[in-house]
Structure formats: structure tokens, C-alpha cells
PDB file of N, CA and C in Angstrom:
ATOM      1  N   MET A   1       4.232 -33.398  14.388  1.00  0.00           N
ATOM      2  CA  MET A   1       3.166 -32.543  14.012  1.00  0.00           C
ATOM      3  C   MET A   1       3.286 -32.009  12.828  1.00  0.00           C
ATOM      4  N   LYS A   2       3.324 -32.505  11.349  1.00  0.00           N
ATOM      5  CA  LYS A   2       2.899 -32.504  10.642  1.00  0.00           C
ATOM      6  C   LYS A   2       2.821 -30.830   9.998  1.00  0.00           C
ATOM      7  N   ALA A   3       4.322 -30.813   9.604  1.00  0.00           N
ATOM      8  CA  ALA A   3       3.581 -28.770   9.051  1.00  0.00           C
ATOM      9  C   ALA A   3       2.516 -28.150   8.878  1.00  0.00           C
ATOM     10  N   LYS A   4       1.712 -28.818   7.554  1.00  0.00           N
ATOM     11  CA  LYS A   4       0.039 -28.188   7.263  1.00  0.00           C
ATOM     12  C   LYS A   4      -0.787 -28.534   8.551  1.00  0.00           C
ATOM     13  N   PRO A   5      -0.891 -29.384   9.157  1.00  0.00           N
ATOM     14  CA  PRO A   5      -1.315 -29.494   9.772  1.00  0.00           C
ATOM     15  C   PRO A   5      -1.156 -28.809  11.536  1.00  0.00           C
ATOM     16  N   LEU A   6      -0.213 -28.767  11.670  1.00  0.00           N
ATOM     17  CA  LEU A   6       0.349 -27.699  12.538  1.00  0.00           C
ATOM     18  C   LEU A   6       0.383 -26.232  12.450  1.00  0.00           C
ATOM     19  N   GLY A   7       0.728 -25.615  11.175  1.00  0.00           N
ATOM     20  CA  GLY A   7       0.171 -24.455  11.209  1.00  0.00           C
ATOM     21  C   GLY A   7      -1.575 -24.094  10.481  1.00  0.00           C
ATOM     22  N   ARG A   8      -2.603 -25.184  10.628  1.00  0.00           N
ATOM     23  CA  ARG A   8      -4.199 -25.209  10.296  1.00  0.00           C
ATOM     24  C   ARG A   8      -3.984 -25.114  12.366  1.00  0.00           C
ATOM     25  N   LYS A   9      -3.741 -25.392  13.209  1.00  0.00           N
ATOM     26  CA  LYS A   9      -3.646 -25.307  14.448  1.00  0.00           C
ATOM     27  C   LYS A   9      -3.870 -24.221  14.494  1.00  0.00           C
ATOM     28  N   GLY A  10      -2.151 -23.732  14.103  1.00  0.00           N
ATOM     29  CA  GLY A  10      -1.900 -22.005  15.183  1.00  0.00           C
ATOM     30  C   GLY A  10      -3.197 -21.398  14.530  1.00  0.00           C
ATOM     31  N   GLU A  11      -3.447 -21.697  13.079  1.00  0.00           N
ATOM     32  CA  GLU A  11      -4.403 -20.463  12.698  1.00  0.00           C
ATOM     33  C   GLU A  11      -5.698 -19.966  13.205  1.00  0.00           C
ATOM     34  N   ASP A  12      -5.717 -22.067  13.418  1.00  0.00           N
ATOM     35  CA  ASP A  12      -6.575 -22.181  14.111  1.00  0.00           C
ATOM     36  C   ASP A  12      -6.698 -21.675  15.749  1.00  0.00           C
ATOM     37  N   LEU A  13      -6.026 -21.501  16.704  1.00  0.00           N
ATOM     38  CA  LEU A  13      -6.008 -20.576  17.578  1.00  0.00           C
ATOM     39  C   LEU A  13      -5.682 -18.922  17.867  1.00  0.00           C
ATOM     40  N   ALA A  14      -5.069 -18.804  16.455  1.00  0.00           N
ATOM     41  CA  ALA A  14      -4.603 -17.106  16.595  1.00  0.00           C
ATOM     42  C   ALA A  14      -5.848 -17.152  16.623  1.00  0.00           C
ATOM     43  N   ALA A  15      -6.501 -17.499  14.872  1.00  0.00           N
ATOM     44  CA  ALA A  15      -7.571 -16.424  15.540  1.00  0.00           C
ATOM     45  C   ALA A  15      -9.290 -16.497  16.399  1.00  0.00           C
ATOM     46  N   SER A  16      -9.044 -17.685  17.605  1.00  0.00           N
ATOM     47  CA  SER A  16      -9.083 -17.406  18.420  1.00  0.00           C
ATOM     48  C   SER A  16      -9.002 -16.709  19.696  1.00  0.00           C
ATOM     49  N   TYR A  17      -7.300 -16.352  19.762  1.00  0.00           N
ATOM     50  CA  TYR A  17      -7.201 -16.033  20.453  1.00  0.00           C
ATOM     51  C   TYR A  17      -7.513 -13.966  20.161  1.00  0.00           C
ATOM     52  N   LEU A  18      -7.543 -13.609  19.007  1.00  0.00           N
ATOM     53  CA  LEU A  18      -7.776 -12.598  18.443  1.00  0.00           C
ATOM     54  C   LEU A  18      -9.520 -12.146  18.915  1.00  0.00           C
ATOM     55  N   ARG A  19      -9.379 -13.243  18.707  1.00  0.00           N
ATOM     56  CA  ARG A  19     -11.535 -12.471  19.136  1.00  0.00           C
ATOM     57  C   ARG A  19     -11.479 -12.691  20.393  1.00  0.00           C
ATOM     58  N   ASP A  20     -10.635 -13.524  21.325  1.00  0.00           N
ATOM     59  CA  ASP A  20     -10.640 -13.319  22.818  1.00  0.00           C
ATOM     60  C   ASP A  20     -10.356 -12.160  23.017  1.00  0.00           C
ATOM     61  N   ILE A  21      -9.263 -11.452  22.544  1.00  0.00           N
ATOM     62  CA  ILE A  21      -8.894 -10.048  22.398  1.00  0.00           C
ATOM     63  C   ILE A  21     -10.036  -8.624  21.948  1.00  0.00           C
ATOM     64  N   GLY A  22     -11.554  -9.605  21.158  1.00  0.00           N
ATOM     65  CA  GLY A  22     -12.018  -8.141  21.183  1.00  0.00           C
ATOM     66  C   GLY A  22     -11.398  -8.172  18.930  1.00  0.00           C
ATOM     67  N   TRP A  23     -10.908  -8.369  18.653  1.00  0.00           N
ATOM     68  CA  TRP A  23     -11.216  -8.713  17.844  1.00  0.00           C
ATOM     69  C   TRP A  23     -11.768  -8.908  16.325  1.00  0.00           C
ATOM     70  N   GLU A  24     -12.539  -8.504  15.145  1.00  0.00           N
ATOM     71  CA  GLU A  24     -13.197  -8.442  14.150  1.00  0.00           C
ATOM     72  C   GLU A  24     -12.148  -9.837  13.742  1.00  0.00           C
ATOM     73  N   ILE A  25     -12.655 -11.066  12.449  1.00  0.00           N
ATOM     74  CA  ILE A  25     -12.017 -11.265  12.183  1.00  0.00           C
ATOM     75  C   ILE A  25     -12.548 -11.963  11.034  1.00  0.00           C
ATOM     76  N   LEU A  26     -12.054 -10.991   9.691  1.00  0.00           N
ATOM     77  CA  LEU A  26     -12.580 -11.115   8.287  1.00  0.00           C
ATOM     78  C   LEU A  26     -12.844 -11.719   7.348  1.00  0.00           C
ATOM     79  N   GLU A  27     -11.235 -12.066   7.784  1.00  0.00           N
ATOM     80  CA  GLU A  27     -11.158 -12.951   6.381  1.00  0.00           C
ATOM     81  C   GLU A  27     -10.047 -14.412   7.514  1.00  0.00           C
ATOM     82  N   ARG A  28      -9.946 -15.872   6.986  1.00  0.00           N
ATOM     83  CA  ARG A  28      -9.132 -16.411   6.909  1.00  0.00           C
ATOM     84  C   ARG A  28      -8.375 -17.483   5.457  1.00  0.00           C
ATOM     85  N   ASN A  29      -7.131 -16.989   5.717  1.00  0.00           N
ATOM     86  CA  ASN A  29      -7.115 -17.844   4.494  1.00  0.00           C
ATOM     87  C   ASN A  29      -6.462 -17.522   3.155  1.00  0.00           C
ATOM     88  N   TYR A  30      -7.409 -15.971   3.083  1.00  0.00           N
ATOM     89  CA  TYR A  30      -7.776 -15.346   1.575  1.00  0.00           C
ATOM     90  C   TYR A  30      -6.870 -15.623   0.692  1.00  0.00           C
ATOM     91  N   THR A  31      -6.776 -16.103  -0.282  1.00  0.00           N
ATOM     92  CA  THR A  31      -6.081 -16.434  -1.296  1.00  0.00           C
ATOM     93  C   THR A  31      -6.865 -15.779  -2.515  1.00  0.00           C
ATOM     94  N   THR A  32      -5.322 -15.474  -3.845  1.00  0.00           N
ATOM     95  CA  THR A  32      -5.256 -15.045  -4.956  1.00  0.00           C
ATOM     96  C   THR A  32      -4.309 -16.031  -5.282  1.00  0.00           C
ATOM     97  N   TRP A  33      -3.720 -15.409  -6.732  1.00  0.00           N
ATOM     98  CA  TRP A  33      -2.968 -16.263  -7.178  1.00  0.00           C
ATOM     99  C   TRP A  33      -1.697 -15.688  -7.097  1.00  0.00           C
ATOM    100  N   LEU A  34      -1.330 -13.924  -6.742  1.00  0.00           N
ATOM    101  CA  LEU A  34      -0.391 -14.217  -5.978  1.00  0.00           C
ATOM    102  C   LEU A  34       0.219 -14.845  -4.260  1.00  0.00           C
ATOM    103  N   GLY A  35      -1.315 -15.732  -4.050  1.00  0.00           N
ATOM    104  CA  GLY A  35      -0.882 -16.416  -2.174  1.00  0.00           C
ATOM    105  C   GLY A  35      -1.139 -16.010  -1.402  1.00  0.00           C
ATOM    106  N   GLU A  36      -0.751 -16.326   0.120  1.00  0.00           N
ATOM    107  CA  GLU A  36      -2.394 -16.287   0.890  1.00  0.00           C
ATOM    108  C   GLU A  36      -1.756 -15.361   1.587  1.00  0.00           C
ATOM    109  N   ILE A  37      -2.910 -14.679   2.111  1.00  0.00           N
ATOM    110  CA  ILE A  37      -2.671 -13.911   4.373  1.00  0.00           C
ATOM    111  C   ILE A  37      -3.349 -15.011   5.034  1.00  0.00           C
ATOM    112  N   ASP A  38      -3.148 -15.412   6.338  1.00  0.00           N
ATOM    113  CA  ASP A  38      -2.958 -16.532   7.193  1.00  0.00           C
ATOM    114  C   ASP A  38      -4.455 -15.141   8.133  1.00  0.00           C
ATOM    115  N   LEU A  39      -4.663 -14.399   8.219  1.00  0.00           N
ATOM    116  CA  LEU A  39      -5.771 -13.319   8.586  1.00  0.00           C
ATOM    117  C   LEU A  39      -5.559 -12.450   7.989  1.00  0.00           C
ATOM    118  N   ILE A  40      -6.935 -11.904   7.947  1.00  0.00           N
ATOM    119  CA  ILE A  40      -7.463 -10.288   7.632  1.00  0.00           C
ATOM    120  C   ILE A  40      -8.454 -10.268   9.225  1.00  0.00           C
ATOM    121  N   CYS A  41      -8.113  -8.778  10.085  1.00  0.00           N
ATOM    122  CA  CYS A  41      -8.944  -8.388  10.968  1.00  0.00           C
ATOM    123  C   CYS A  41      -9.415  -7.665  11.013  1.00  0.00           C
ATOM    124  N   ARG A  42     -10.581  -7.048  11.554  1.00  0.00           N
ATOM    125  CA  ARG A  42     -10.482  -5.039  12.093  1.00  0.00           C
ATOM    126  C   ARG A  42     -10.364  -5.292  13.609  1.00  0.00           C
ATOM    127  N   ASP A  43      -9.199  -4.156  13.751  1.00  0.00           N
ATOM    128  CA  ASP A  43      -8.675  -3.845  14.993  1.00  0.00           C
ATOM    129  C   ASP A  43      -9.035  -2.989  15.873  1.00  0.00           C
ATOM    130  N   ARG A  44     -10.189  -2.125  16.114  1.00  0.00           N
ATOM    131  CA  ARG A  44     -11.411  -1.787  16.989  1.00  0.00           C
ATOM    132  C   ARG A  44     -11.666  -0.606  15.097  1.00  0.00           C
ATOM    133  N   GLY A  45     -11.053   0.510  14.101  1.00  0.00           N
ATOM    134  CA  GLY A  45     -11.137   1.215  13.028  1.00  0.00           C
ATOM    135  C   GLY A  45     -10.300   0.670  12.485  1.00  0.00           C
ATOM    136  N   THR A  46      -8.568  -0.119  12.405  1.00  0.00           N
ATOM    137  CA  THR A  46      -7.359  -1.035  11.782  1.00  0.00           C
ATOM    138  C   THR A  46      -7.989  -1.536  10.702  1.00  0.00           C
ATOM    139  N   LEU A  47      -7.791  -2.219  10.209  1.00  0.00           N
ATOM    140  CA  LEU A  47      -7.808  -2.878   9.205  1.00  0.00           C
ATOM    141  C   LEU A  47      -6.519  -4.679   9.118  1.00  0.00           C
ATOM    142  N   VAL A  48      -6.319  -5.897   9.467  1.00  0.00           N
ATOM    143  CA  VAL A  48      -4.395  -5.746   9.958  1.00  0.00           C
ATOM    144  C   VAL A  48      -4.295  -6.773   9.613  1.00  0.00           C
ATOM    145  N   PHE A  49      -3.350  -7.385   8.705  1.00  0.00           N
ATOM    146  CA  PHE A  49      -3.770  -8.390   8.005  1.00  0.00           C
ATOM    147  C   PHE A  49      -2.208  -9.611   8.978  1.00  0.00           C
ATOM    148  N   VAL A  50      -2.303 -10.613   9.598  1.00  0.00           N
ATOM    149  CA  VAL A  50      -1.792 -11.629  10.166  1.00  0.00           C
ATOM    150  C   VAL A  50      -1.257 -12.337   9.773  1.00  0.00           C
ATOM    151  N   GLU A  51      -0.028 -12.243  10.246  1.00  0.00           N
ATOM    152  CA  GLU A  51       0.900 -13.583   9.144  1.00  0.00           C
ATOM    153  C   GLU A  51       1.349 -14.747  10.882  1.00  0.00           C
ATOM    154  N   VAL A  52       0.125 -15.309  11.085  1.00  0.00           N
ATOM    155  CA  VAL A  52       0.595 -16.572  11.749  1.00  0.00           C
ATOM    156  C   VAL A  52       1.660 -17.569  11.253  1.00  0.00           C
ATOM    157  N   LYS A  53       2.817 -17.346  12.488  1.00  0.00           N
ATOM    158  CA  LYS A  53       3.959 -18.541  12.556  1.00  0.00           C
ATOM    159  C   LYS A  53       3.685 -19.817  13.591  1.00  0.00           C
ATOM    160  N   THR A  54       3.332 -20.803  13.236  1.00  0.00           N
ATOM    161  CA  THR A  54       3.184 -21.259  14.338  1.00  0.00           C
ATOM    162  C   THR A  54       4.814 -22.613  14.497  1.00  0.00           C
ATOM    163  N   ARG A  55       4.522 -22.677  15.967  1.00  0.00           N
ATOM    164  CA  ARG A  55       5.994 -22.957  16.487  1.00  0.00           C
ATOM    165  C   ARG A  55       5.996 -24.100  18.025  1.00  0.00           C
ATOM    166  N   THR A  56       7.001 -25.640  17.687  1.00  0.00           N
ATOM    167  CA  THR A  56       6.510 -26.145  18.940  1.00  0.00           C
ATOM    168  C   THR A  56       7.273 -25.837  19.968  1.00  0.00           C
ATOM    169  N   ALA A  57       7.897 -26.426  21.193  1.00  0.00           N
ATOM    170  CA  ALA A  57       8.477 -26.126  22.482  1.00  0.00           C
ATOM    171  C   ALA A  57      10.008 -25.472  22.315  1.00  0.00           C
ATOM    172  N   THR A  58      10.173 -26.977  20.821  1.00  0.00           N
ATOM    173  CA  THR A  58      12.048 -26.674  20.636  1.00  0.00           C
ATOM    174  C   THR A  58      12.072 -25.982  20.036  1.00  0.00           C
ATOM    175  N   ASP A  59      11.645 -25.526  19.325  1.00  0.00           N
ATOM    176  CA  ASP A  59      11.488 -23.803  17.835  1.00  0.00           C
ATOM    177  C   ASP A  59      12.765 -22.792  19.348  1.00  0.00           C
ATOM    178  N   PHE A  60      13.218 -22.007  18.477  1.00  0.00           N
ATOM    179  CA  PHE A  60      13.847 -21.207  19.479  1.00  0.00           C
ATOM    180  C   PHE A  60      13.419 -19.042  18.665  1.00  0.00           C
ATOM    181  N   ALA A  61      13.578 -19.344  17.448  1.00  0.00           N
ATOM    182  CA  ALA A  61      13.171 -18.207  16.992  1.00  0.00           C
ATOM    183  C   ALA A  61      11.958 -17.666  16.994  1.00  0.00           C
ATOM    184  N   ARG A  62      12.571 -16.565  16.981  1.00  0.00           N
ATOM    185  CA  ARG A  62      10.947 -15.002  17.198  1.00  0.00           C
ATOM    186  C   ARG A  62      10.683 -15.464  15.976  1.00  0.00           C
ATOM    187  N   PRO A  63       8.862 -15.166  15.821  1.00  0.00           N
ATOM    188  CA  PRO A  63       7.967 -15.435  14.925  1.00  0.00           C
ATOM    189  C   PRO A  63       8.283 -15.093  13.929  1.00  0.00           C
ATOM    190  N   ASP A  64       9.032 -13.269  14.016  1.00  0.00           N
ATOM    191  CA  ASP A  64       8.897 -12.535  13.115  1.00  0.00           C
ATOM    192  C   ASP A  64      10.504 -12.581  11.945  1.00  0.00           C
ATOM    193  N   GLN A  65      11.162 -13.755  12.638  1.00  0.00           N
ATOM    194  CA  GLN A  65      12.482 -13.823  12.443  1.00  0.00           C
ATOM    195  C   GLN A  65      12.335 -15.402  10.538  1.00  0.00           C
ATOM    196  N   SER A  66      10.942 -15.563  10.845  1.00  0.00           N
ATOM    197  CA  SER A  66      11.283 -15.870   9.973  1.00  0.00           C
ATOM    198  C   SER A  66      10.068 -16.154   8.631  1.00  0.00           C
ATOM    199  N   VAL A  67       9.882 -14.684   8.951  1.00  0.00           N
ATOM    200  CA  VAL A  67       9.202 -13.975   7.634  1.00  0.00           C
ATOM    201  C   VAL A  67      10.487 -13.240   6.456  1.00  0.00           C
ATOM    202  N   THR A  68      11.471 -14.138   5.611  1.00  0.00           N
ATOM    203  CA  THR A  68      11.606 -13.566   5.283  1.00  0.00           C
ATOM    204  C   THR A  68      11.923 -12.236   4.713  1.00  0.00           C
ATOM    205  N   GLN A  69      11.999 -11.805   3.304  1.00  0.00           N
ATOM    206  CA  GLN A  69      12.154 -10.338   3.136  1.00  0.00           C
ATOM    207  C   GLN A  69      11.895 -10.103   1.812  1.00  0.00           C
ATOM    208  N   ARG A  70      11.400 -12.315   1.241  1.00  0.00           N
ATOM    209  CA  ARG A  70      11.375 -12.340  -0.424  1.00  0.00           C
ATOM    210  C   ARG A  70       9.515 -12.239   0.345  1.00  0.00           C
ATOM    211  N   LYS A  71       9.251 -12.374   1.293  1.00  0.00           N
ATOM    212  CA  LYS A  71       7.328 -12.953   1.982  1.00  0.00           C
ATOM    213  C   LYS A  71       7.467 -11.685   2.597  1.00  0.00           C
ATOM    214  N   GLN A  72       8.360 -10.858   2.899  1.00  0.00           N
ATOM    215  CA  GLN A  72       7.870  -8.964   2.849  1.00  0.00           C
ATOM    216  C   GLN A  72       7.058  -8.758   1.866  1.00  0.00           C
ATOM    217  N   ALA A  73       8.014  -9.259   0.990  1.00  0.00           N
ATOM    218  CA  ALA A  73       7.714  -8.218  -0.545  1.00  0.00           C
ATOM    219  C   ALA A  73       6.010  -8.556  -1.446  1.00  0.00           C
ATOM    220  N   LYS A  74       6.457 -10.213  -0.157  1.00  0.00           N
ATOM    221  CA  LYS A  74       4.666 -11.707  -1.467  1.00  0.00           C
ATOM    222  C   LYS A  74       3.552 -10.549   0.136  1.00  0.00           C
ATOM    223  N   LEU A  75       3.836 -10.487   0.087  1.00  0.00           N
ATOM    224  CA  LEU A  75       2.651  -9.980   1.510  1.00  0.00           C
ATOM    225  C   LEU A  75       2.203  -8.837   1.447  1.00  0.00           C
ATOM    226  N   ARG A  76       2.691  -8.070   0.904  1.00  0.00           N
ATOM    227  CA  ARG A  76       2.764  -6.332   0.515  1.00  0.00           C
ATOM    228  C   ARG A  76       2.295  -6.693  -0.140  1.00  0.00           C
ATOM    229  N   ARG A  77       2.112  -7.302  -1.684  1.00  0.00           N
ATOM    230  CA  ARG A  77       1.486  -6.939  -2.785  1.00  0.00           C
ATOM    231  C   ARG A  77       0.005  -7.747  -2.362  1.00  0.00           C
ATOM    232  N   LEU A  78       0.084  -8.443  -1.568  1.00  0.00           N
ATOM    233  CA  LEU A  78      -1.576  -9.748  -1.146  1.00  0.00           C
ATOM    234  C   LEU A  78      -1.858  -8.142  -0.992  1.00  0.00           C
ATOM    235  N   VAL A  79      -1.413  -7.026   0.389  1.00  0.00           N
ATOM    236  CA  VAL A  79      -2.132  -6.190   1.359  1.00  0.00           C
ATOM    237  C   VAL A  79      -2.768  -5.336  -0.215  1.00  0.00           C
ATOM    238  N   GLU A  80      -1.498  -5.112  -0.873  1.00  0.00           N
ATOM    239  CA  GLU A  80      -2.351  -4.213  -1.905  1.00  0.00           C
ATOM    240  C   GLU A  80      -3.363  -4.277  -2.956  1.00  0.00           C
ATOM    241  N   ASP A  81      -3.394  -5.466  -3.316  1.00  0.00           N
ATOM    242  CA  ASP A  81      -4.421  -6.464  -4.012  1.00  0.00           C
ATOM    243  C   ASP A  81      -5.706  -6.749  -3.093  1.00  0.00           C
ATOM    244  N   TYR A  82      -5.697  -7.051  -1.924  1.00  0.00           N
ATOM    245  CA  TYR A  82      -6.279  -6.908  -0.742  1.00  0.00           C
ATOM    246  C   TYR A  82      -6.899  -6.404  -1.027  1.00  0.00           C
ATOM    247  N   LEU A  83      -6.499  -4.897  -1.175  1.00  0.00           N
ATOM    248  CA  LEU A  83      -7.001  -3.392  -0.218  1.00  0.00           C
ATOM    249  C   LEU A  83      -8.427  -3.834  -2.097  1.00  0.00           C
ATOM    250  N   VAL A  84      -7.185  -3.365  -3.279  1.00  0.00           N
ATOM    251  CA  VAL A  84      -8.312  -2.868  -4.538  1.00  0.00           C
ATOM    252  C   VAL A  84      -9.377  -3.884  -4.848  1.00  0.00           C
ATOM    253  N   GLN A  85      -9.027  -4.435  -4.580  1.00  0.00           N
ATOM    254  CA  GLN A  85      -9.946  -5.341  -4.682  1.00  0.00           C
ATOM    255  C   GLN A  85     -11.383  -5.586  -4.375  1.00  0.00           C
ATOM    256  N   HIS A  86     -10.892  -5.010  -2.351  1.00  0.00           N
ATOM    257  CA  HIS A  86     -12.299  -4.472  -1.487  1.00  0.00           C
ATOM    258  C   HIS A  86     -13.112  -3.240  -1.762  1.00  0.00           C
ATOM    259  N   ARG A  87     -11.712  -2.795  -2.276  1.00  0.00           N
ATOM    260  CA  ARG A  87     -12.229  -0.675  -1.779  1.00  0.00           C
ATOM    261  C   ARG A  87     -11.505  -0.079  -1.413  1.00  0.00           C
ATOM    262  N   GLN A  88     -11.134  -0.948  -0.388  1.00  0.00           N
ATOM    263  CA  GLN A  88     -10.261  -0.051   0.917  1.00  0.00           C
ATOM    264  C   GLN A  88      -9.066   0.692   0.977  1.00  0.00           C
ATOM    265  N   GLU A  89      -8.342   1.348  -0.659  1.00  0.00           N
ATOM    266  CA  GLU A  89      -7.212   1.584   0.000  1.00  0.00           C
ATOM    267  C   GLU A  89      -7.295   2.909   0.801  1.00  0.00           C
ATOM    268  N   SER A  90      -8.293   3.823   1.093  1.00  0.00           N
ATOM    269  CA  SER A  90      -7.182   4.757   2.733  1.00  0.00           C
ATOM    270  C   SER A  90      -8.174   4.434   3.594  1.00  0.00           C
ATOM    271  N   ALA A  91      -7.933   2.577   3.989  1.00  0.00           N
ATOM    272  CA  ALA A  91      -8.142   2.495   5.394  1.00  0.00           C
ATOM    273  C   ALA A  91      -6.955   2.440   5.403  1.00  0.00           C
ATOM    274  N   ASP A  92      -6.735   2.088   7.113  1.00  0.00           N
ATOM    275  CA  ASP A  92      -6.249   2.178   8.114  1.00  0.00           C
ATOM    276  C   ASP A  92      -5.354   0.919   7.710  1.00  0.00           C
ATOM    277  N   VAL A  93      -4.450   0.653   7.930  1.00  0.00           N
ATOM    278  CA  VAL A  93      -3.953  -1.457   7.707  1.00  0.00           C
ATOM    279  C   VAL A  93      -2.361  -1.004   8.608  1.00  0.00           C
ATOM    280  N   ARG A  94      -1.982  -2.175   8.980  1.00  0.00           N
ATOM    281  CA  ARG A  94      -1.869  -2.438   9.648  1.00  0.00           C
ATOM    282  C   ARG A  94      -1.189  -4.161   9.372  1.00  0.00           C
ATOM    283  N   PHE A  95       0.500  -4.139   9.584  1.00  0.00           N
ATOM    284  CA  PHE A  95       0.565  -5.994   9.456  1.00  0.00           C
ATOM    285  C   PHE A  95       1.554  -6.887  10.427  1.00  0.00           C
ATOM    286  N   ASP A  96       0.602  -7.249  10.988  1.00  0.00           N
ATOM    287  CA  ASP A  96       1.059  -8.070  12.490  1.00  0.00           C
ATOM    288  C   ASP A  96       2.084  -9.498  12.227  1.00  0.00           C
ATOM    289  N   VAL A  97       3.322  -9.706  13.705  1.00  0.00           N
ATOM    290  CA  VAL A  97       3.514 -11.474  12.830  1.00  0.00           C
ATOM    291  C   VAL A  97       2.835 -11.756  14.158  1.00  0.00           C
ATOM    292  N   LEU A  98       1.729 -13.808  14.635  1.00  0.00           N
ATOM    293  CA  LEU A  98       1.821 -13.849  15.291  1.00  0.00           C
ATOM    294  C   LEU A  98       2.200 -15.086  15.659  1.00  0.00           C
ATOM    295  N   GLY A  99       3.099 -15.435  15.887  1.00  0.00           N
ATOM    296  CA  GLY A  99       3.644 -16.704  16.595  1.00  0.00           C
ATOM    297  C   GLY A  99       2.175 -17.320  17.597  1.00  0.00           C
ATOM    298  N   VAL A 100       2.643 -18.647  17.363  1.00  0.00           N
ATOM    299  CA  VAL A 100       2.273 -19.534  18.264  1.00  0.00           C
ATOM    300  C   VAL A 100       2.934 -20.905  18.748  1.00  0.00           C
ATOM    301  N   THR A 101       3.061 -20.702  19.729  1.00  0.00           N
ATOM    302  CA  THR A 101       3.953 -22.250  20.327  1.00  0.00           C
ATOM    303  C   THR A 101       3.290 -23.233  20.649  1.00  0.00           C
ATOM    304  N   LEU A 102       3.129 -24.005  20.242  1.00  0.00           N
ATOM    305  CA  LEU A 102       2.763 -25.461  21.339  1.00  0.00           C
ATOM    306  C   LEU A 102       3.668 -26.228  21.670  1.00  0.00           C
ATOM    307  N   GLY A 103       3.492 -26.331  23.367  1.00  0.00           N
ATOM    308  CA  GLY A 103       4.690 -26.662  24.295  1.00  0.00           C
ATOM    309  C   GLY A 103       3.579 -28.258  24.706  1.00  0.00           C
ATOM    310  N   SER A 104       3.625 -28.413  25.336  1.00  0.00           N
ATOM    311  CA  SER A 104       2.630 -29.431  26.745  1.00  0.00           C
ATOM    312  C   SER A 104       1.797 -29.235  26.946  1.00  0.00           C
ATOM    313  N   GLY A 105       1.534 -27.940  27.251  1.00  0.00           N
ATOM    314  CA  GLY A 105       0.473 -26.697  28.093  1.00  0.00           C
ATOM    315  C   GLY A 105      -0.213 -26.365  27.315  1.00  0.00           C
ATOM    316  N   HIS A 106      -0.409 -25.291  27.829  1.00  0.00           N
ATOM    317  CA  HIS A 106      -0.703 -24.319  27.702  1.00  0.00           C
ATOM    318  C   HIS A 106      -0.407 -22.938  25.812  1.00  0.00           C
ATOM    319  N   PRO A 107      -1.366 -23.246  25.018  1.00  0.00           N
ATOM    320  CA  PRO A 107       0.025 -21.955  24.158  1.00  0.00           C
ATOM    321  C   PRO A 107       0.199 -20.371  24.343  1.00  0.00           C
ATOM    322  N   GLU A 108       1.075 -20.437  24.088  1.00  0.00           N
ATOM    323  CA  GLU A 108       2.087 -19.453  24.016  1.00  0.00           C
ATOM    324  C   GLU A 108       2.019 -18.541  22.622  1.00  0.00           C
ATOM    325  N   PHE A 109       1.940 -17.297  22.838  1.00  0.00           N
ATOM    326  CA  PHE A 109       1.437 -16.077  22.077  1.00  0.00           C
ATOM    327  C   PHE A 109       2.893 -15.093  21.863  1.00  0.00           C
ATOM    328  N   ASP A 110       2.849 -14.587  20.478  1.00  0.00           N
ATOM    329  CA  ASP A 110       4.198 -13.487  20.862  1.00  0.00           C
ATOM    330  C   ASP A 110       3.456 -12.639  19.103  1.00  0.00           C
ATOM    331  N   HIS A 111       2.553 -11.958  20.217  1.00  0.00           N
ATOM    332  CA  HIS A 111       2.181 -10.899  19.070  1.00  0.00           C
ATOM    333  C   HIS A 111       2.865  -9.512  19.012  1.00  0.00           C
ATOM    334  N   ILE A 112       3.116 -10.103  17.762  1.00  0.00           N
ATOM    335  CA  ILE A 112       4.551  -8.539  17.192  1.00  0.00           C
ATOM    336  C   ILE A 112       3.841  -7.836  16.422  1.00  0.00           C
ATOM    337  N   VAL A 113       2.879  -6.419  16.421  1.00  0.00           N
ATOM    338  CA  VAL A 113       1.960  -5.244  16.360  1.00  0.00           C
ATOM    339  C   VAL A 113       2.802  -4.455  15.455  1.00  0.00           C
ATOM    340  N   GLY A 114       2.372  -4.307  14.419  1.00  0.00           N
ATOM    341  CA  GLY A 114       3.265  -3.437  13.411  1.00  0.00           C
ATOM    342  C   GLY A 114       4.528  -4.117  12.925  1.00  0.00           C
ATOM    343  N   ALA A 115       4.654  -5.151  12.264  1.00  0.00           N
ATOM    344  CA  ALA A 115       5.505  -6.460  12.248  1.00  0.00           C
ATOM    345  C   ALA A 115       6.797  -5.710  10.872  1.00  0.00           C
ATOM    346  N   LEU A 116       6.267  -5.216   9.756  1.00  0.00           N
ATOM    347  CA  LEU A 116       6.612  -4.650   9.041  1.00  0.00           C
ATOM    348  C   LEU A 116       5.782  -2.948   8.181  1.00  0.00           C
TER     349      LEU A 116
END
């Protein structure tokens, strides 16, 4: 599967997984001139920004290992921008990475809470 369709499928599965565990999905693919945040959710009282990393069963790196220092800095700027634009500067926030592994069976999820 090519990268873009693979990523989209992973984001769909990730959103479904998070809804199943009781999270509210506020935004998908939030995009500004700074870039994109895959999912913005609410977990009880916490605003959670989620980077989704989709892998095939043949990839062995942990999902958070593919979020480089440069990507982390970009995501921090995006989060700050979102908070200002939505007047949420005082919100409790967290950044998670959610790995989705697609193999021959059911997808596997590797949810890294507070990854940044």
C-alpha cells in the first residue's frame, strides 16, 4: 500500500480506536500554514494532540522513534497555534503518539501517552 492511503487508513483506525476507549475526536487533519496535526481529541478534561504513525507488519521501529526532533518542534508550534486560535491557552494539554500496525490480521495499536 502506498504511503498516503496507508496513512489515511491508519488515521481512520486510530480515530475509531480512540472513540472506542471513550475519547471525543475534536479535529482530524487540522491544517495551518505551519503544518498538520493528525488528531485533536479530548480525554476527559485533557486536550490531546495525537500524531498517528502507521506501519506494516514488516516495520520494526517504535512509532515514537519516527517523530524526529524537527517534527517535534513543528508539532509544538502547531499546538501553540491551535491553542491561541481556539482560545484554549489555559487548557490541560498532552501530546501522544499512536502507532497503528497493519498486518494480515487485526490492526495493533501502540499508544504512547505523553510522548513529547
